[in-house]
Structures are given as C-alpha cells and as structure tokens.
Amino acid sequence: MSECNEAKSTIFQVIHWKAGSQWIHRILKEIAQERIVDPKIDAKQFLETPLVCGAVYPTVYVTSNQFLRCFTAAELQEDINNQEFKRLTNFRIF
C-alpha cells in the first residue's frame, strides 16, 4: 500500500472463516458502506488486489502470517511495531 493520506483508517477484519464473522461484516457494511471492499474467494480482495487506503476490508480470511507478509513484501521491510509502518498505514490492532 502506498503512503496513506486519508483521514480515515484502513480497517482489516482478519478472522478465521469458522468464527461466525458475518454479523461483524453486516455492521461494518451498515456504518461504512461506501468504504467496504467486498470479500472474494480465497481472500483475493486482500492478497491479489492493490490495497485501497481508507477502505474497510471485512472478513479477511487469512492467517496472521499471511496478513503481515502482505505488508513486508510491499516495500515496507519493517516489522509491525515500526513507527513508519504505523504512519504509512494508520495501522492499529484492536
């Protein structure tokens, strides 16, 4: 993801497919419909498509390693605690 200048955070709901996450997806869609990136089979919306700054990615069915690899592979080359990474992505873990 290139530098994020959006005032809104990019949100990722990284979750296991058996966790019953569809209710969270419905809430996210209700409160941020215009920002939703619709889920695709095999998490292609996250793994194979350029990420959109300020978007909301519900039901991203990937492991934590897959999630983190996506960012380290994208020129950041820093670990998740790096302040520059947080500034670029506006990343937070809840």
Protein backbone atom coordinates (compact mmCIF):
# COMPACT_ATOMS: atom_id res chain seq x y z
CA MET A 1 0.00 0.00 0.00
CA SER A 2 1.43 3.35 -0.93
CA GLU A 3 1.53 6.20 1.58
CA CYS A 4 -1.89 6.68 3.09
CA ASN A 5 -3.01 10.31 3.22
CA GLU A 6 -6.63 9.51 4.07
CA ALA A 7 -8.04 10.91 7.29
CA LYS A 8 -9.86 7.60 7.81
CA SER A 9 -8.02 4.48 8.93
CA THR A 10 -7.81 1.44 6.69
CA ILE A 11 -9.61 -1.33 8.56
CA PHE A 12 -8.98 -5.07 8.23
CA GLN A 13 -11.20 -7.66 9.91
CA VAL A 14 -8.74 -10.57 9.89
CA ILE A 15 -10.59 -13.60 11.18
CA HIS A 16 -10.90 -17.38 10.86
CA TRP A 17 -13.67 -18.49 8.50
CA LYS A 18 -15.31 -20.59 11.24
CA ALA A 19 -15.51 -17.65 13.67
CA GLY A 20 -19.01 -16.53 12.66
CA SER A 21 -17.85 -13.17 11.36
CA GLN A 22 -20.79 -12.32 9.10
CA TRP A 23 -22.53 -10.27 11.80
CA ILE A 24 -19.44 -8.03 12.02
CA HIS A 25 -19.44 -7.73 8.23
CA ARG A 26 -23.09 -6.57 8.35
CA ILE A 27 -22.28 -3.93 10.98
CA LEU A 28 -19.27 -2.64 9.02
CA LYS A 29 -21.36 -2.51 5.85
CA GLU A 30 -24.07 -0.54 7.65
CA ILE A 31 -21.72 2.08 9.11
CA ALA A 32 -19.16 2.34 6.29
CA GLN A 33 -20.88 1.04 3.15
CA GLU A 34 -19.04 3.36 0.75
CA ARG A 35 -15.66 2.18 2.10
CA ILE A 36 -16.31 -1.60 2.01
CA VAL A 37 -14.13 -3.78 -0.20
CA ASP A 38 -16.31 -6.83 -0.80
CA PRO A 39 -14.80 -10.17 0.23
CA LYS A 40 -13.74 -12.56 -2.52
CA ILE A 41 -12.97 -16.26 -2.57
CA ASP A 42 -9.51 -17.10 -1.18
CA ALA A 43 -9.15 -13.52 0.16
CA LYS A 44 -8.26 -12.26 -3.34
CA GLN A 45 -9.52 -8.77 -2.39
CA PHE A 46 -6.60 -8.64 0.04
CA LEU A 47 -3.93 -10.95 -1.36
CA GLU A 48 -4.14 -10.23 -5.10
CA THR A 49 -5.56 -6.73 -5.46
CA PRO A 50 -3.82 -3.45 -4.59
CA LEU A 51 -5.00 -2.28 -1.18
CA VAL A 52 -7.13 0.87 -1.01
CA CYS A 53 -6.15 3.49 1.54
CA GLY A 54 -9.03 4.29 3.91
CA ALA A 55 -11.05 1.22 2.87
CA VAL A 56 -12.74 -1.33 5.12
CA TYR A 57 -11.86 -4.98 4.47
CA PRO A 58 -14.39 -7.23 6.26
CA THR A 59 -13.97 -10.98 6.64
CA VAL A 60 -10.36 -11.26 5.50
CA TYR A 61 -9.80 -15.00 5.95
CA VAL A 62 -6.01 -15.16 6.20
CA THR A 63 -3.55 -16.19 8.87
CA SER A 64 -1.67 -13.55 10.82
CA ASN A 65 1.48 -14.56 8.92
CA GLN A 66 -0.26 -14.05 5.57
CA PHE A 67 -1.53 -10.70 6.76
CA LEU A 68 1.89 -9.47 7.90
CA ARG A 69 3.66 -10.85 4.81
CA CYS A 70 1.43 -8.71 2.63
CA PHE A 71 2.92 -5.58 4.15
CA THR A 72 6.55 -6.62 4.47
CA ALA A 73 6.50 -7.64 0.81
CA ALA A 74 5.22 -4.20 -0.15
CA GLU A 75 8.48 -2.24 0.25
CA LEU A 76 7.99 -1.59 3.95
CA GLN A 77 10.52 -4.23 5.04
CA GLU A 78 9.93 -3.33 8.67
CA ASP A 79 8.18 -5.22 11.39
CA ILE A 80 4.69 -4.40 12.56
CA ASN A 81 5.87 -2.29 15.51
CA ASN A 82 7.81 0.15 13.34
CA GLN A 83 6.53 3.74 13.71
CA GLU A 84 6.98 4.43 9.99
CA PHE A 85 4.76 1.44 9.16
CA LYS A 86 2.09 2.76 11.50
CA ARG A 87 2.33 6.23 9.95
CA LEU A 88 2.07 4.89 6.40
CA THR A 89 -0.85 2.57 7.04
CA ASN A 90 -2.52 4.15 10.06
CA PHE A 91 -2.41 0.56 11.38
CA ARG A 92 -3.95 -0.44 14.72
CA ILE A 93 -4.62 -3.79 16.38
CA PHE A 94 -7.83 -3.95 18.39
